Amino acid sequence: MWRDQCGSSVIEMSFILPVLVMLACVAADLGMAFLQQIKIQQAAARTMEMALAYKSSTTSLSTTIIHDEAATAYGYPTTNNTNVVADMWLECGGTRQSTYSGTCATGSPARYASITITDTYTWLFGTIFTSRLRVGNPNASAVTSVALKGFAEVRVQ
């Protein structure tokens, strides 16, 4: 009876299967977080490409136009949105000026536009795994989300 090995592979599999399932879940969750980060960065880059190509006979490029374009590109609402921040500034000889539409008394003018898009990715399996990891220390804080940020900057003049 002691030498009988029938069923030993089932017992071994019962030890390793939870670890394999956990690794697969973590890999899927990390993949989804990277996908979200790529979407944010692509929306920021697309917005700056639009800023470079912007031509209108009636309106000039503004932070509102950049903000709304970035929000639309990422899928955010265009109104009351603090997750999308557009900025435009003028540099004279490498020094940032207070107004975008001003002129330079000295130094060569350079106008820039930038966009920052932020979001939070909530781990799909975060609550399951962090509750298991806190067994020894119930007061440990659980990391259930991660901040994501997309940024792009371009010289428009």
Protein backbone atom coordinates (compact mmCIF):
# COMPACT_ATOMS: atom_id res chain seq x y z
CA MET A 1 0.00 0.00 0.00
CA TRP A 2 2.83 2.44 0.80
CA ARG A 3 4.46 1.82 -2.58
CA ASP A 4 1.30 2.42 -4.59
CA GLN A 5 1.66 5.65 -6.62
CA CYS A 6 -1.81 5.78 -8.15
CA GLY A 7 -3.23 9.26 -7.76
CA SER A 8 0.04 10.93 -6.79
CA SER A 9 -0.06 13.14 -9.89
CA VAL A 10 -3.49 14.41 -8.85
CA ILE A 11 -2.13 15.38 -5.44
CA GLU A 12 0.88 17.09 -7.02
CA MET A 13 -1.41 18.94 -9.42
CA SER A 14 -3.58 20.11 -6.52
CA PHE A 15 -0.49 21.76 -5.02
CA ILE A 16 0.69 23.51 -8.19
CA LEU A 17 -2.66 24.39 -9.84
CA PRO A 18 -3.53 27.34 -7.53
CA VAL A 19 -0.10 28.85 -8.19
CA LEU A 20 -0.52 28.46 -11.95
CA VAL A 21 -3.99 30.01 -11.85
CA MET A 22 -2.69 32.94 -9.80
CA LEU A 23 0.17 33.50 -12.26
CA ALA A 24 -2.25 33.45 -15.20
CA CYS A 25 -4.54 35.97 -13.47
CA VAL A 26 -1.63 38.29 -12.65
CA ALA A 27 -0.35 38.08 -16.24
CA ALA A 28 -3.80 38.92 -17.62
CA ASP A 29 -4.19 41.82 -15.19
CA LEU A 30 -0.77 43.27 -16.04
CA GLY A 31 -1.58 42.95 -19.73
CA MET A 32 -4.80 44.90 -19.28
CA ALA A 33 -2.96 47.63 -17.34
CA PHE A 34 -0.35 47.94 -20.10
CA LEU A 35 -3.12 48.09 -22.71
CA GLN A 36 -4.78 50.94 -20.81
CA GLN A 37 -1.45 52.80 -20.56
CA ILE A 38 -0.87 52.41 -24.30
CA LYS A 39 -4.35 53.80 -25.03
CA ILE A 40 -3.65 56.85 -22.87
CA GLN A 41 -0.29 57.51 -24.51
CA GLN A 42 -1.72 57.05 -28.01
CA ALA A 43 -4.52 59.53 -27.27
CA ALA A 44 -1.96 62.09 -26.06
CA ALA A 45 0.28 61.57 -29.10
CA ARG A 46 -2.69 61.74 -31.49
CA THR A 47 -3.78 65.01 -29.91
CA MET A 48 -0.36 66.57 -30.39
CA GLU A 49 -0.30 65.40 -34.01
CA MET A 50 -3.63 67.18 -34.43
CA ALA A 51 -2.16 70.30 -32.83
CA LEU A 52 0.67 70.29 -35.38
CA ALA A 53 -1.71 69.89 -38.29
CA TYR A 54 -4.39 72.28 -36.99
CA LYS A 55 -5.45 74.78 -39.64
CA SER A 56 -8.56 76.92 -39.38
CA SER A 57 -9.44 80.22 -40.99
CA THR A 58 -11.82 81.18 -38.16
CA THR A 59 -10.17 80.07 -34.90
CA SER A 60 -6.63 79.62 -33.70
CA LEU A 61 -5.34 76.68 -31.72
CA SER A 62 -6.27 76.93 -28.05
CA THR A 63 -6.08 74.86 -24.88
CA THR A 64 -9.83 74.26 -25.15
CA ILE A 65 -9.45 72.71 -28.59
CA ILE A 66 -6.52 70.57 -27.42
CA HIS A 67 -8.36 69.55 -24.23
CA ASP A 68 -11.53 68.55 -26.08
CA GLU A 69 -9.60 66.63 -28.73
CA ALA A 70 -7.65 64.67 -26.11
CA ALA A 71 -10.76 63.93 -24.07
CA THR A 72 -12.58 62.70 -27.16
CA ALA A 73 -9.59 60.62 -28.29
CA TYR A 74 -9.44 58.82 -24.94
CA GLY A 75 -13.19 58.58 -24.43
CA TYR A 76 -13.62 61.10 -21.63
CA PRO A 77 -16.40 63.70 -21.58
CA THR A 78 -15.20 67.09 -22.78
CA THR A 79 -16.88 69.10 -20.00
CA ASN A 80 -15.90 69.20 -16.32
CA ASN A 81 -12.98 66.88 -16.85
CA THR A 82 -9.89 67.28 -14.66
CA ASN A 83 -8.20 64.14 -16.02
CA VAL A 84 -7.17 66.00 -19.18
CA VAL A 85 -4.90 69.04 -18.85
CA ALA A 86 -3.86 71.08 -21.88
CA ASP A 87 -1.16 73.74 -21.76
CA MET A 88 0.25 76.19 -24.28
CA TRP A 89 3.15 78.55 -23.68
CA LEU A 90 5.66 80.83 -25.33
CA GLU A 91 9.39 80.63 -24.72
CA CYS A 92 11.71 83.49 -25.55
CA GLY A 93 15.34 82.39 -25.66
CA GLY A 94 14.47 79.32 -23.58
CA THR A 95 12.58 81.26 -20.87
CA ARG A 96 8.89 80.53 -20.41
CA GLN A 97 6.66 83.60 -20.77
CA SER A 98 3.34 84.33 -19.06
CA THR A 99 1.27 84.56 -22.25
CA TYR A 100 1.14 82.32 -25.30
CA SER A 101 0.17 85.05 -27.74
CA GLY A 102 2.82 87.56 -26.68
CA THR A 103 5.96 88.55 -28.54
CA CYS A 104 9.60 88.22 -27.64
CA ALA A 105 11.64 91.33 -26.92
CA THR A 106 14.85 89.29 -26.93
CA GLY A 107 15.62 85.77 -28.03
CA SER A 108 13.92 83.63 -30.61
CA PRO A 109 10.24 82.79 -30.02
CA ALA A 110 9.12 79.20 -29.63
CA ARG A 111 5.52 78.20 -28.97
CA TYR A 112 4.71 74.86 -27.36
CA ALA A 113 1.61 72.83 -26.61
CA SER A 114 1.32 69.87 -24.26
CA ILE A 115 -1.35 67.47 -23.09
CA THR A 116 -1.49 65.32 -19.97
CA ILE A 117 -4.10 62.58 -19.65
CA THR A 118 -4.45 60.69 -16.36
CA ASP A 119 -6.51 57.67 -15.43
CA THR A 120 -6.60 54.98 -12.78
CA TYR A 121 -6.49 51.27 -13.54
CA THR A 122 -8.19 49.12 -10.93
CA TRP A 123 -6.70 45.65 -10.71
CA LEU A 124 -9.25 43.02 -11.72
CA PHE A 125 -7.93 40.50 -9.24
CA GLY A 126 -6.50 42.98 -6.75
CA THR A 127 -9.00 42.43 -3.97
CA ILE A 128 -8.67 38.65 -4.19
CA PHE A 129 -4.89 38.57 -4.03
CA THR A 130 -4.34 41.39 -1.57
CA SER A 131 -6.80 39.89 0.89
CA ARG A 132 -4.80 36.65 0.73
CA LEU A 133 -1.51 38.48 1.20
CA ARG A 134 -2.74 40.34 4.28
CA VAL A 135 -3.45 37.19 6.29
CA GLY A 136 -0.37 37.68 8.46
CA ASN A 137 -0.79 41.45 8.71
CA PRO A 138 -4.46 42.52 8.52
CA ASN A 139 -3.54 46.22 8.84
CA ALA A 140 -1.42 46.23 5.67
CA SER A 141 -2.74 48.53 2.98
CA ALA A 142 -4.04 46.93 -0.19
CA VAL A 143 -2.93 48.24 -3.57
CA THR A 144 -6.07 47.85 -5.65
CA SER A 145 -5.32 50.44 -8.35
CA VAL A 146 -2.47 52.15 -10.15
CA ALA A 147 -2.25 55.66 -11.60
CA LEU A 148 -1.65 55.90 -15.35
CA LYS A 149 -0.46 58.97 -17.23
CA GLY A 150 -0.03 59.90 -20.86
CA PHE A 151 1.96 62.99 -21.81
CA ALA A 152 2.92 64.57 -25.10
CA GLU A 153 4.50 67.90 -25.95
CA VAL A 154 5.17 69.51 -29.30
CA ARG A 155 6.59 72.75 -30.62
CA VAL A 156 3.96 74.41 -32.79
CA GLN A 157 6.07 77.38 -33.93
